[in-house]
Amino acid sequence: MRTTLLAVSAAIIALLLLAPQPVLSAAEQDATVSPSAAPDLATPAEQAPPPSKDAVSPEGTPSTKVESDAQAVPASTAASGPKASPKENTLSKEDIQSHLELNNFDQVSDGIFRGSNPSDHDINVLSQYGIKTIVNLRMKGKATRHEEEVARENGIRYIHIPMGFRHPQDQNTVKALEVICDPQNQPVFIHCLQGSDRTGMIVGIYRRLFDNWSFTRTYAEMHEHHFKPWLMGMKKAVRDCAKSARLVSIAKNSSDKEKEAKQLARTGDAPL
């Protein structure tokens, strides 16, 4: 009896092993593609380096709520936004925030906003609220090309200034500051992937040179927006930005233009 049962069991197992495997359809194969192929995910060059064993931050480590700048932001396929009338350079954070899907959104100044990578829906909302320019600090890839297309479809000027996670090249920092500080480009929205590291560095330099903030105050805001303290090169770029004659020159020229604009607004006179 036992021999008969063993023979039957062996026959069943053999039939299962020889049974043909199901063939996935093209749609099912597409659904099994690795998440790394999704256009919104970070490219290898955008993977923020891990903390070094020797990297010690005097300001402490980030809170448990820190979000990696190399994580993906889900993109919405919807391209509809609130039925709002476009505004000029009088936007406020409260005007837009409740309609956006992106994270880490904040207002830097009257004409400068920051945040994480925007979805198609977010770009549509930014357009409806009068954002004129988007500055993207992410590395080149499918996501940046798609964003450029959507921005242009919504009538937004798109400027791509790719940055990594090391000490930034001076010309890229200069270009980013020139763009966001130009009144012709404002209101402007600047972002990277999570709006924390590369965006935090550029906004930090802006705070130091344009708002005359101390490094302690500037770094506190960077930390609040989840800047990683072990990115020492980027941190040093913010701390030492006043040593760059080119960056200081941009700040001075921008300040002079702002004073001139205020003077014209008071007197109504045309510049000589």
Protein backbone atom coordinates (compact mmCIF):
# COMPACT_ATOMS: atom_id res chain seq x y z
CA MET A 1 0.00 0.00 0.00
CA ARG A 2 2.79 2.39 0.97
CA THR A 3 4.63 1.59 -2.25
CA THR A 4 1.51 2.40 -4.28
CA LEU A 5 1.06 5.81 -2.55
CA LEU A 6 4.69 6.73 -3.14
CA ALA A 7 4.37 5.83 -6.81
CA VAL A 8 1.23 7.96 -7.21
CA SER A 9 2.88 10.95 -5.46
CA ALA A 10 5.93 10.70 -7.69
CA ALA A 11 3.74 10.63 -10.79
CA ILE A 12 1.83 13.77 -9.70
CA ILE A 13 5.07 15.68 -9.01
CA ALA A 14 6.43 14.68 -12.41
CA LEU A 15 3.30 15.96 -14.15
CA LEU A 16 3.53 19.31 -12.33
CA LEU A 17 7.17 19.76 -13.29
CA LEU A 18 6.47 18.96 -16.94
CA ALA A 19 3.44 21.27 -17.18
CA PRO A 20 4.03 24.29 -19.55
CA GLN A 21 4.69 27.64 -17.87
CA PRO A 22 2.30 30.55 -18.64
CA VAL A 23 3.57 33.09 -21.16
CA LEU A 24 3.29 36.73 -20.12
CA SER A 25 1.60 39.11 -22.51
CA ALA A 26 3.40 42.28 -23.64
CA ALA A 27 1.36 44.34 -21.20
CA GLU A 28 2.20 41.96 -18.35
CA GLN A 29 5.88 42.09 -19.26
CA ASP A 30 5.80 45.89 -19.17
CA ALA A 31 4.23 45.74 -15.73
CA THR A 32 7.20 43.75 -14.43
CA VAL A 33 9.80 46.32 -15.48
CA SER A 34 12.09 47.33 -12.64
CA PRO A 35 11.07 50.59 -10.91
CA SER A 36 14.46 52.03 -11.90
CA ALA A 37 13.11 52.35 -15.44
CA ALA A 38 10.38 54.76 -14.40
CA PRO A 39 11.03 58.27 -15.77
CA ASP A 40 10.52 59.99 -12.41
CA LEU A 41 13.15 58.01 -10.50
CA ALA A 42 16.63 59.26 -9.77
CA THR A 43 19.32 58.51 -12.32
CA PRO A 44 22.52 56.83 -11.02
CA ALA A 45 24.22 60.24 -11.00
CA GLU A 46 21.45 61.54 -8.75
CA GLN A 47 22.04 58.96 -6.02
CA ALA A 48 23.12 61.02 -3.03
CA PRO A 49 26.32 59.56 -1.53
CA PRO A 50 25.89 57.81 1.83
CA PRO A 51 27.30 59.44 4.97
CA SER A 52 31.03 58.97 5.35
CA LYS A 53 32.35 57.40 8.54
CA ASP A 54 34.54 60.47 8.94
CA ALA A 55 31.79 63.00 8.19
CA VAL A 56 30.76 64.59 11.46
CA SER A 57 28.33 67.48 11.43
CA PRO A 58 28.66 69.99 14.29
CA GLU A 59 25.02 70.88 13.79
CA GLY A 60 23.85 67.31 14.45
CA THR A 61 22.12 64.74 12.31
CA PRO A 62 18.80 65.11 10.53
CA SER A 63 15.55 64.04 12.17
CA THR A 64 13.88 60.71 11.43
CA LYS A 65 11.56 62.54 9.03
CA VAL A 66 14.38 63.26 6.57
CA GLU A 67 13.44 62.24 3.04
CA SER A 68 16.22 61.19 0.69
CA ASP A 69 16.89 63.51 -2.21
CA ALA A 70 17.33 60.43 -4.35
CA GLN A 71 13.88 58.98 -3.74
CA ALA A 72 11.18 59.12 -6.37
CA VAL A 73 8.23 61.44 -6.31
CA PRO A 74 5.14 59.81 -7.81
CA ALA A 75 4.03 61.73 -10.88
CA SER A 76 0.39 62.42 -11.48
CA THR A 77 -0.96 61.67 -14.92
CA ALA A 78 -3.63 64.30 -14.49
CA ALA A 79 -2.93 67.66 -16.09
CA SER A 80 -5.73 69.57 -14.48
CA GLY A 81 -5.46 72.16 -11.74
CA PRO A 82 -7.64 74.52 -9.78
CA LYS A 83 -9.81 76.95 -11.66
CA ALA A 84 -7.81 79.95 -10.56
CA SER A 85 -7.14 83.18 -12.34
CA PRO A 86 -3.45 83.80 -13.10
CA LYS A 87 -1.64 86.12 -10.73
CA GLU A 88 1.41 88.26 -11.25
CA ASN A 89 4.34 88.73 -8.86
CA THR A 90 2.04 88.87 -5.84
CA LEU A 91 1.92 85.13 -5.24
CA SER A 92 2.12 83.67 -1.78
CA LYS A 93 2.79 80.18 -0.50
CA GLU A 94 -0.77 79.92 0.77
CA ASP A 95 -2.18 80.71 -2.69
CA ILE A 96 -0.69 77.62 -4.29
CA GLN A 97 0.25 75.02 -1.69
CA SER A 98 -3.16 73.44 -1.12
CA HIS A 99 -3.43 72.64 -4.85
CA LEU A 100 -0.02 71.01 -5.25
CA GLU A 101 1.00 67.37 -4.94
CA LEU A 102 4.75 68.02 -4.59
CA ASN A 103 6.65 67.98 -1.30
CA ASN A 104 8.95 70.42 0.46
CA PHE A 105 7.19 73.43 -1.06
CA ASP A 106 8.07 76.85 0.32
CA GLN A 107 8.37 80.50 -0.62
CA VAL A 108 11.86 81.99 -0.54
CA SER A 109 10.97 85.56 -1.51
CA ASP A 110 8.20 87.45 -3.29
CA GLY A 111 9.18 85.97 -6.65
CA ILE A 112 11.04 82.74 -5.75
CA PHE A 113 9.48 79.40 -4.77
CA ARG A 114 11.11 76.04 -4.08
CA GLY A 115 10.05 72.40 -3.82
CA SER A 116 10.45 68.83 -5.00
CA ASN A 117 10.08 67.46 -8.52
CA PRO A 118 6.69 68.59 -9.88
CA SER A 119 4.19 66.23 -11.49
CA ASP A 120 2.28 67.15 -14.65
CA HIS A 121 -0.56 68.28 -12.41
CA ASP A 122 1.79 70.49 -10.38
CA ILE A 123 3.17 72.16 -13.50
CA ASN A 124 -0.36 72.89 -14.62
CA VAL A 125 -1.15 74.43 -11.22
CA LEU A 126 2.06 76.50 -11.24
CA SER A 127 1.12 77.80 -14.68
CA GLN A 128 -2.38 78.76 -13.60
CA TYR A 129 -0.95 80.70 -10.68
CA GLY A 130 1.39 82.68 -12.91
CA ILE A 131 4.76 80.95 -12.42
CA LYS A 132 6.84 82.13 -15.38
CA THR A 133 9.96 79.98 -15.05
CA ILE A 134 10.92 76.53 -13.78
CA VAL A 135 14.57 75.89 -12.91
CA ASN A 136 15.40 72.18 -12.75
CA LEU A 137 18.63 71.16 -10.98
CA ARG A 138 18.26 67.43 -11.68
CA MET A 139 20.63 65.46 -13.90
CA LYS A 140 19.61 64.97 -17.52
CA GLY A 141 17.26 62.07 -18.24
CA LYS A 142 13.79 61.03 -19.38
CA ALA A 143 12.16 62.85 -16.48
CA THR A 144 13.82 66.18 -17.30
CA ARG A 145 12.91 65.92 -20.99
CA HIS A 146 9.31 65.13 -20.11
CA GLU A 147 9.16 68.03 -17.66
CA GLU A 148 10.47 70.43 -20.29
CA GLU A 149 7.73 69.35 -22.71
CA VAL A 150 4.98 69.75 -20.11
CA ALA A 151 6.33 73.12 -18.97
CA ARG A 152 6.39 74.50 -22.50
CA GLU A 153 2.89 73.16 -23.17
CA ASN A 154 1.76 75.17 -20.15
CA GLY A 155 3.55 78.34 -21.29
CA ILE A 156 6.30 78.17 -18.68
CA ARG A 157 9.94 78.98 -19.47
CA TYR A 158 12.07 75.93 -18.63
CA ILE A 159 15.74 76.18 -17.66
CA HIS A 160 17.82 73.08 -16.91
CA ILE A 161 20.97 73.47 -14.79
CA PRO A 162 22.14 69.94 -13.88
CA MET A 163 23.91 69.56 -10.55
CA GLY A 164 25.34 66.61 -8.66
CA PHE A 165 25.93 66.18 -4.95
CA ARG A 166 29.57 67.21 -4.71
CA HIS A 167 30.96 70.73 -4.49
CA PRO A 168 29.12 72.50 -7.31
CA GLN A 169 30.84 74.02 -10.31
CA ASP A 170 30.96 77.78 -9.88
CA GLN A 171 29.47 78.50 -13.30
CA ASN A 172 26.37 76.40 -12.52
CA THR A 173 25.85 78.17 -9.21
CA VAL A 174 26.28 81.53 -10.90
CA LYS A 175 23.80 80.63 -13.63
CA ALA A 176 21.20 79.37 -11.14
CA LEU A 177 21.39 82.56 -9.08
CA GLU A 178 21.29 84.79 -12.15
CA VAL A 179 18.14 83.05 -13.36
CA ILE A 180 16.16 83.02 -10.12
CA CYS A 181 17.10 86.62 -9.27
CA ASP A 182 16.17 88.07 -12.66
CA PRO A 183 12.79 89.86 -12.31
CA GLN A 184 12.03 88.89 -15.93
CA ASN A 185 11.96 85.24 -14.84
CA GLN A 186 9.85 85.72 -11.74
CA PRO A 187 7.79 84.26 -10.27
CA VAL A 188 10.21 81.33 -10.56
CA PHE A 189 10.04 77.79 -9.16
CA ILE A 190 13.35 76.02 -8.48
CA HIS A 191 13.59 72.32 -7.68
CA CYS A 192 15.65 69.14 -7.80
CA LEU A 193 14.21 65.70 -6.96
CA GLN A 194 13.16 66.11 -3.33
CA GLY A 195 13.92 69.82 -3.05
CA SER A 196 16.29 69.25 -0.17
CA ASP A 197 19.97 69.07 -1.15
CA ARG A 198 20.70 70.76 -4.49
CA THR A 199 17.79 73.15 -4.09
CA GLY A 200 18.77 73.68 -0.46
CA MET A 201 22.29 74.63 -1.47
CA ILE A 202 21.20 77.21 -4.07
CA VAL A 203 18.60 78.71 -1.75
CA GLY A 204 21.19 78.70 1.04
CA ILE A 205 23.60 80.73 -1.10
CA TYR A 206 20.75 83.09 -1.93
CA ARG A 207 20.01 83.56 1.78
CA ARG A 208 23.66 84.30 2.55
CA LEU A 209 24.28 86.78 -0.26
CA PHE A 210 20.89 88.38 -0.91
CA ASP A 211 19.24 88.24 2.51
CA ASN A 212 22.51 88.62 4.49
CA TRP A 213 21.68 85.65 6.70
CA SER A 214 24.35 84.13 8.94
CA PHE A 215 25.47 80.61 8.11
CA THR A 216 23.90 79.33 11.33
CA ARG A 217 20.50 80.70 10.39
CA THR A 218 20.88 79.55 6.79
CA TYR A 219 21.86 76.02 7.76
CA ALA A 220 18.93 75.79 10.17
CA GLU A 221 16.57 76.43 7.24
CA MET A 222 18.47 73.92 5.08
CA HIS A 223 18.12 71.32 7.83
CA GLU A 224 14.41 72.09 8.10
CA HIS A 225 14.07 71.21 4.42
CA HIS A 226 15.95 67.91 4.98
CA PHE A 227 19.42 68.85 3.70
CA LYS A 228 21.81 65.97 4.46
CA PRO A 229 24.59 67.16 6.81
CA TRP A 230 27.17 64.75 5.40
CA LEU A 231 27.17 66.50 2.00
CA MET A 232 30.13 68.53 3.14
CA GLY A 233 31.10 69.96 -0.26
CA MET A 234 27.66 71.48 -0.81
CA LYS A 235 27.56 72.70 2.76
CA LYS A 236 30.96 74.35 2.32
CA ALA A 237 29.72 76.05 -0.86
CA VAL A 238 27.03 77.77 1.19
CA ARG A 239 29.32 78.66 4.06
CA ASP A 240 32.04 80.12 1.81
CA CYS A 241 29.89 81.66 -0.94
CA ALA A 242 30.84 85.21 0.08
CA LYS A 243 34.41 84.42 -1.01
CA SER A 244 33.30 84.12 -4.64
CA ALA A 245 33.66 87.47 -6.39
CA ARG A 246 31.27 86.37 -9.15
CA LEU A 247 28.52 85.42 -6.70
CA VAL A 248 28.97 88.62 -4.71
CA SER A 249 28.80 90.62 -7.94
CA ILE A 250 25.46 89.01 -8.84
CA ALA A 251 24.09 89.89 -5.42
CA LYS A 252 25.27 93.50 -5.72
CA ASN A 253 23.87 93.96 -9.23
CA SER A 254 20.55 92.45 -8.20
CA SER A 255 20.38 94.71 -5.17
CA ASP A 256 21.11 97.79 -7.30
CA LYS A 257 18.37 96.83 -9.78
CA GLU A 258 15.91 96.30 -6.96
CA LYS A 259 16.68 99.72 -5.48
CA GLU A 260 16.31 101.31 -8.91
CA ALA A 261 12.95 99.59 -9.44
CA LYS A 262 11.69 100.80 -6.06
CA GLN A 263 12.85 104.33 -6.84
CA LEU A 264 11.03 104.27 -10.18
CA ALA A 265 7.90 102.97 -8.48
CA ARG A 266 7.97 105.90 -6.04
CA THR A 267 8.72 108.64 -8.55
CA GLY A 268 7.32 107.24 -11.79
CA ASP A 269 10.39 108.54 -13.60
CA ALA A 270 12.02 106.63 -16.44
CA PRO A 271 15.70 105.70 -15.99
CA LEU A 272 18.20 107.99 -17.66
